[in-house]
Amino acid sequence: MSDTPRFNSQSVRKQKGSAQGVPEKFAEACGDADDRAPLTSRPNRERLWMPDYQVKNVEPVAVGTDIQVRVFTLADGDVIPWHYHSESTDHYFVLRGKLTIETRSPDHRHQLSVGERHKILPGVPHRISNESTSECQFLLVQGVGQYDWHEAHLIKNEGPRSY
């Protein structure tokens, strides 16, 4: 095992708002990491637990009650599954590599490179992925509005359903 720390929801709760941790509300949304299986099997790679998925790293920049700013790093092949937010708008800014953003209602597929950005409005189901063979890093600004994360169960051309 490497010297790089591995974060899960329990270690995040202990750090509550520290520079190395993830915001408390975000940790609460994660639940217990022990209840979740990794999306893919990737031995010898450090991973950070997220709501029902994993990414290589998340660095909080600024966190408030109605806005969140974080830097995400996705390893090759990483996927943030279909989801939507009730109130907050997502603003993606690509810092390194290539980022793929797919949306439903309307159906679009965007492939962004360094310096490009994309906005996703509240209620729009979206999926984020790194389809390249190298890491991707992006700045995500979420707001204004209370943060939530809802899994989007998609049925062909019918949009999201919550369970």
C-alpha atoms as a PDB file:
ATOM      1  CA  MET A   1       0.000   0.000   0.000  1.00  0.00           C
ATOM      2  CA  SER A   2       1.348   3.462  -0.854  1.00  0.00           C
ATOM      3  CA  ASP A   3       1.879   6.329   1.579  1.00  0.00           C
ATOM      4  CA  THR A   4      -0.961   8.268  -0.070  1.00  0.00           C
ATOM      5  CA  PRO A   5      -3.887   8.516   2.368  1.00  0.00           C
ATOM      6  CA  ARG A   6      -7.092   6.720   1.437  1.00  0.00           C
ATOM      7  CA  PHE A   7     -10.230   8.653   2.237  1.00  0.00           C
ATOM      8  CA  ASN A   8     -13.628   7.229   3.033  1.00  0.00           C
ATOM      9  CA  SER A   9     -16.697   8.759   4.635  1.00  0.00           C
ATOM     10  CA  GLN A  10     -15.538   7.839   8.157  1.00  0.00           C
ATOM     11  CA  SER A  11     -12.127   9.480   7.804  1.00  0.00           C
ATOM     12  CA  VAL A  12     -13.787  12.491   6.200  1.00  0.00           C
ATOM     13  CA  ARG A  13     -16.174  12.901   9.142  1.00  0.00           C
ATOM     14  CA  LYS A  14     -13.227  12.934  11.540  1.00  0.00           C
ATOM     15  CA  GLN A  15     -11.616  15.739   9.535  1.00  0.00           C
ATOM     16  CA  LYS A  16     -14.784  17.880   9.239  1.00  0.00           C
ATOM     17  CA  GLY A  17     -13.836  20.814   7.070  1.00  0.00           C
ATOM     18  CA  SER A  18     -10.079  20.376   7.343  1.00  0.00           C
ATOM     19  CA  ALA A  19      -7.971  21.298   4.360  1.00  0.00           C
ATOM     20  CA  GLN A  20      -7.381  17.608   3.629  1.00  0.00           C
ATOM     21  CA  GLY A  21     -10.964  16.431   4.159  1.00  0.00           C
ATOM     22  CA  VAL A  22     -14.166  16.747   2.238  1.00  0.00           C
ATOM     23  CA  PRO A  23     -16.982  19.015   3.499  1.00  0.00           C
ATOM     24  CA  GLU A  24     -19.148  17.596   6.297  1.00  0.00           C
ATOM     25  CA  LYS A  25     -22.382  17.732   4.239  1.00  0.00           C
ATOM     26  CA  PHE A  26     -20.615  15.871   1.450  1.00  0.00           C
ATOM     27  CA  ALA A  27     -19.412  13.223   3.906  1.00  0.00           C
ATOM     28  CA  GLU A  28     -22.949  12.782   5.212  1.00  0.00           C
ATOM     29  CA  ALA A  29     -24.188  12.256   1.658  1.00  0.00           C
ATOM     30  CA  CYS A  30     -21.576   9.522   1.179  1.00  0.00           C
ATOM     31  CA  GLY A  31     -22.815   7.275   3.972  1.00  0.00           C
ATOM     32  CA  ASP A  32     -20.463   4.562   5.178  1.00  0.00           C
ATOM     33  CA  ALA A  33     -17.873   3.488   2.633  1.00  0.00           C
ATOM     34  CA  ASP A  34     -17.942  -0.027   4.083  1.00  0.00           C
ATOM     35  CA  ASP A  35     -21.457  -0.439   2.634  1.00  0.00           C
ATOM     36  CA  ARG A  36     -20.288   0.293  -0.893  1.00  0.00           C
ATOM     37  CA  ALA A  37     -18.371  -1.840  -3.344  1.00  0.00           C
ATOM     38  CA  PRO A  38     -15.963  -0.165  -5.768  1.00  0.00           C
ATOM     39  CA  LEU A  39     -17.449   0.607  -9.174  1.00  0.00           C
ATOM     40  CA  THR A  40     -14.488  -1.105 -10.818  1.00  0.00           C
ATOM     41  CA  SER A  41     -11.608  -3.186  -9.572  1.00  0.00           C
ATOM     42  CA  ARG A  42      -8.431  -1.160  -9.852  1.00  0.00           C
ATOM     43  CA  PRO A  43      -5.665  -2.666  -7.706  1.00  0.00           C
ATOM     44  CA  ASN A  44      -2.801  -0.518  -6.441  1.00  0.00           C
ATOM     45  CA  ARG A  45      -4.643   2.764  -7.019  1.00  0.00           C
ATOM     46  CA  GLU A  46      -5.655   5.145  -4.278  1.00  0.00           C
ATOM     47  CA  ARG A  47      -9.320   6.101  -4.546  1.00  0.00           C
ATOM     48  CA  LEU A  48     -11.635   8.584  -2.862  1.00  0.00           C
ATOM     49  CA  TRP A  49     -15.173   7.443  -2.037  1.00  0.00           C
ATOM     50  CA  MET A  50     -18.005   9.569  -3.415  1.00  0.00           C
ATOM     51  CA  PRO A  51     -21.780   8.990  -3.342  1.00  0.00           C
ATOM     52  CA  ASP A  52     -22.027   5.519  -4.947  1.00  0.00           C
ATOM     53  CA  TYR A  53     -18.865   5.952  -7.027  1.00  0.00           C
ATOM     54  CA  GLN A  54     -15.139   6.597  -6.749  1.00  0.00           C
ATOM     55  CA  VAL A  55     -12.782   9.099  -8.335  1.00  0.00           C
ATOM     56  CA  LYS A  56      -9.047   9.458  -7.953  1.00  0.00           C
ATOM     57  CA  ASN A  57      -9.137  12.680  -5.914  1.00  0.00           C
ATOM     58  CA  VAL A  58     -11.344  15.571  -4.809  1.00  0.00           C
ATOM     59  CA  GLU A  59      -9.836  18.731  -3.364  1.00  0.00           C
ATOM     60  CA  PRO A  60     -12.243  21.180  -1.687  1.00  0.00           C
ATOM     61  CA  VAL A  61     -11.476  24.794  -2.598  1.00  0.00           C
ATOM     62  CA  ALA A  62     -14.428  26.646  -1.037  1.00  0.00           C
ATOM     63  CA  VAL A  63     -17.537  25.268   0.623  1.00  0.00           C
ATOM     64  CA  GLY A  64     -20.555  27.264   1.770  1.00  0.00           C
ATOM     65  CA  THR A  65     -24.217  26.652   2.406  1.00  0.00           C
ATOM     66  CA  ASP A  66     -25.245  27.400  -1.178  1.00  0.00           C
ATOM     67  CA  ILE A  67     -22.022  27.067  -3.191  1.00  0.00           C
ATOM     68  CA  GLN A  68     -19.243  24.482  -3.456  1.00  0.00           C
ATOM     69  CA  VAL A  69     -15.993  24.669  -5.393  1.00  0.00           C
ATOM     70  CA  ARG A  70     -13.822  21.566  -5.782  1.00  0.00           C
ATOM     71  CA  VAL A  71     -11.053  20.259  -8.017  1.00  0.00           C
ATOM     72  CA  PHE A  72     -11.719  16.706  -9.239  1.00  0.00           C
ATOM     73  CA  THR A  73      -9.084  14.382 -10.674  1.00  0.00           C
ATOM     74  CA  LEU A  74     -10.352  11.442 -12.719  1.00  0.00           C
ATOM     75  CA  ALA A  75      -8.064   8.559 -13.635  1.00  0.00           C
ATOM     76  CA  ASP A  76      -8.395   7.025 -17.078  1.00  0.00           C
ATOM     77  CA  GLY A  77     -11.742   5.258 -17.314  1.00  0.00           C
ATOM     78  CA  ASP A  78     -13.267   6.905 -14.215  1.00  0.00           C
ATOM     79  CA  VAL A  79     -17.003   7.606 -14.403  1.00  0.00           C
ATOM     80  CA  ILE A  80     -19.331   9.709 -12.264  1.00  0.00           C
ATOM     81  CA  PRO A  81     -22.663   7.959 -12.945  1.00  0.00           C
ATOM     82  CA  TRP A  82     -25.929   9.480 -14.104  1.00  0.00           C
ATOM     83  CA  HIS A  83     -27.267  11.914 -11.517  1.00  0.00           C
ATOM     84  CA  TYR A  84     -28.876  15.320 -11.133  1.00  0.00           C
ATOM     85  CA  HIS A  85     -29.120  18.162  -8.624  1.00  0.00           C
ATOM     86  CA  SER A  86     -32.432  19.736  -7.579  1.00  0.00           C
ATOM     87  CA  GLU A  87     -31.287  23.313  -6.994  1.00  0.00           C
ATOM     88  CA  SER A  88     -27.661  23.861  -7.923  1.00  0.00           C
ATOM     89  CA  THR A  89     -26.114  24.522 -11.326  1.00  0.00           C
ATOM     90  CA  ASP A  90     -22.859  22.719 -12.175  1.00  0.00           C
ATOM     91  CA  HIS A  91     -20.100  24.718 -13.886  1.00  0.00           C
ATOM     92  CA  TYR A  92     -17.250  22.534 -15.225  1.00  0.00           C
ATOM     93  CA  PHE A  93     -13.856  24.036 -16.166  1.00  0.00           C
ATOM     94  CA  VAL A  94     -11.274  21.617 -17.620  1.00  0.00           C
ATOM     95  CA  LEU A  95      -7.789  22.129 -16.173  1.00  0.00           C
ATOM     96  CA  ARG A  96      -5.964  19.070 -17.572  1.00  0.00           C
ATOM     97  CA  GLY A  97      -6.774  16.283 -20.016  1.00  0.00           C
ATOM     98  CA  LYS A  98     -10.135  15.673 -21.693  1.00  0.00           C
ATOM     99  CA  LEU A  99     -13.534  15.449 -19.997  1.00  0.00           C
ATOM    100  CA  THR A 100     -16.696  13.889 -21.410  1.00  0.00           C
ATOM    101  CA  ILE A 101     -20.054  15.223 -20.198  1.00  0.00           C
ATOM    102  CA  GLU A 102     -23.287  13.558 -21.286  1.00  0.00           C
ATOM    103  CA  THR A 103     -26.726  15.022 -20.555  1.00  0.00           C
ATOM    104  CA  ARG A 104     -30.323  13.892 -20.981  1.00  0.00           C
ATOM    105  CA  SER A 105     -33.309  16.163 -21.451  1.00  0.00           C
ATOM    106  CA  PRO A 106     -31.734  17.482 -23.682  1.00  0.00           C
ATOM    107  CA  ASP A 107     -29.575  14.638 -25.006  1.00  0.00           C
ATOM    108  CA  HIS A 108     -26.035  15.882 -25.660  1.00  0.00           C
ATOM    109  CA  ARG A 109     -22.488  14.589 -25.516  1.00  0.00           C
ATOM    110  CA  HIS A 110     -19.738  17.147 -24.938  1.00  0.00           C
ATOM    111  CA  GLN A 111     -16.019  16.407 -25.094  1.00  0.00           C
ATOM    112  CA  LEU A 112     -14.116  19.217 -23.435  1.00  0.00           C
ATOM    113  CA  SER A 113     -10.404  20.022 -23.574  1.00  0.00           C
ATOM    114  CA  VAL A 114      -8.189  22.210 -21.402  1.00  0.00           C
ATOM    115  CA  GLY A 115      -9.626  25.719 -21.068  1.00  0.00           C
ATOM    116  CA  GLU A 116     -13.149  24.747 -22.110  1.00  0.00           C
ATOM    117  CA  ARG A 117     -16.187  24.931 -19.851  1.00  0.00           C
ATOM    118  CA  HIS A 118     -19.736  23.636 -19.667  1.00  0.00           C
ATOM    119  CA  LYS A 119     -22.815  24.486 -17.583  1.00  0.00           C
ATOM    120  CA  ILE A 120     -25.502  22.021 -16.440  1.00  0.00           C
ATOM    121  CA  LEU A 121     -28.745  23.439 -15.058  1.00  0.00           C
ATOM    122  CA  PRO A 122     -30.645  22.010 -12.051  1.00  0.00           C
ATOM    123  CA  GLY A 123     -32.744  18.939 -12.818  1.00  0.00           C
ATOM    124  CA  VAL A 124     -30.744  17.907 -15.902  1.00  0.00           C
ATOM    125  CA  PRO A 125     -29.422  14.321 -15.620  1.00  0.00           C
ATOM    126  CA  HIS A 126     -25.725  14.119 -16.428  1.00  0.00           C
ATOM    127  CA  ARG A 127     -22.814  11.676 -16.495  1.00  0.00           C
ATOM    128  CA  ILE A 128     -19.159  12.679 -16.254  1.00  0.00           C
ATOM    129  CA  SER A 129     -16.304  10.509 -17.515  1.00  0.00           C
ATOM    130  CA  ASN A 130     -12.670  10.382 -18.498  1.00  0.00           C
ATOM    131  CA  GLU A 131     -12.517   8.293 -21.664  1.00  0.00           C
ATOM    132  CA  SER A 132      -8.861   9.085 -22.357  1.00  0.00           C
ATOM    133  CA  THR A 133      -5.784   7.111 -21.328  1.00  0.00           C
ATOM    134  CA  SER A 134      -4.425   9.877 -19.086  1.00  0.00           C
ATOM    135  CA  GLU A 135      -5.739  11.725 -16.037  1.00  0.00           C
ATOM    136  CA  CYS A 136      -8.299  14.482 -16.332  1.00  0.00           C
ATOM    137  CA  GLN A 137      -8.664  17.344 -13.876  1.00  0.00           C
ATOM    138  CA  PHE A 138     -11.492  19.850 -13.679  1.00  0.00           C
ATOM    139  CA  LEU A 139     -12.761  22.618 -11.438  1.00  0.00           C
ATOM    140  CA  LEU A 140     -16.411  22.176 -10.463  1.00  0.00           C
ATOM    141  CA  VAL A 141     -18.386  25.156  -9.169  1.00  0.00           C
ATOM    142  CA  GLN A 142     -21.817  24.142  -7.839  1.00  0.00           C
ATOM    143  CA  GLY A 143     -24.448  26.691  -6.871  1.00  0.00           C
ATOM    144  CA  VAL A 144     -26.292  28.748  -6.106  1.00  0.00           C
ATOM    145  CA  GLY A 145     -28.620  26.534  -4.089  1.00  0.00           C
ATOM    146  CA  GLN A 146     -28.530  23.715  -1.572  1.00  0.00           C
ATOM    147  CA  TYR A 147     -26.330  20.831  -2.734  1.00  0.00           C
ATOM    148  CA  ASP A 148     -27.929  17.439  -3.288  1.00  0.00           C
ATOM    149  CA  TRP A 149     -27.064  14.412  -5.415  1.00  0.00           C
ATOM    150  CA  HIS A 150     -29.797  12.196  -6.853  1.00  0.00           C
ATOM    151  CA  GLU A 151     -29.079   9.057  -8.830  1.00  0.00           C
ATOM    152  CA  ALA A 152     -30.798   9.330 -12.201  1.00  0.00           C
ATOM    153  CA  HIS A 153     -32.484   6.110 -13.302  1.00  0.00           C
ATOM    154  CA  LEU A 154     -32.918   6.642 -17.010  1.00  0.00           C
ATOM    155  CA  ILE A 155     -35.586   5.097 -19.174  1.00  0.00           C
ATOM    156  CA  LYS A 156     -35.220   5.693 -22.883  1.00  0.00           C
ATOM    157  CA  ASN A 157     -36.300   9.284 -23.663  1.00  0.00           C
ATOM    158  CA  GLU A 158     -38.175   9.667 -20.372  1.00  0.00           C
ATOM    159  CA  GLY A 159     -35.589  11.454 -18.213  1.00  0.00           C
ATOM    160  CA  PRO A 160     -34.776  10.821 -14.547  1.00  0.00           C
ATOM    161  CA  ARG A 161     -36.720   8.850 -11.973  1.00  0.00           C
ATOM    162  CA  SER A 162     -35.974   8.919  -8.254  1.00  0.00           C
ATOM    163  CA  TYR A 163     -36.610   5.907  -6.059  1.00  0.00           C
END
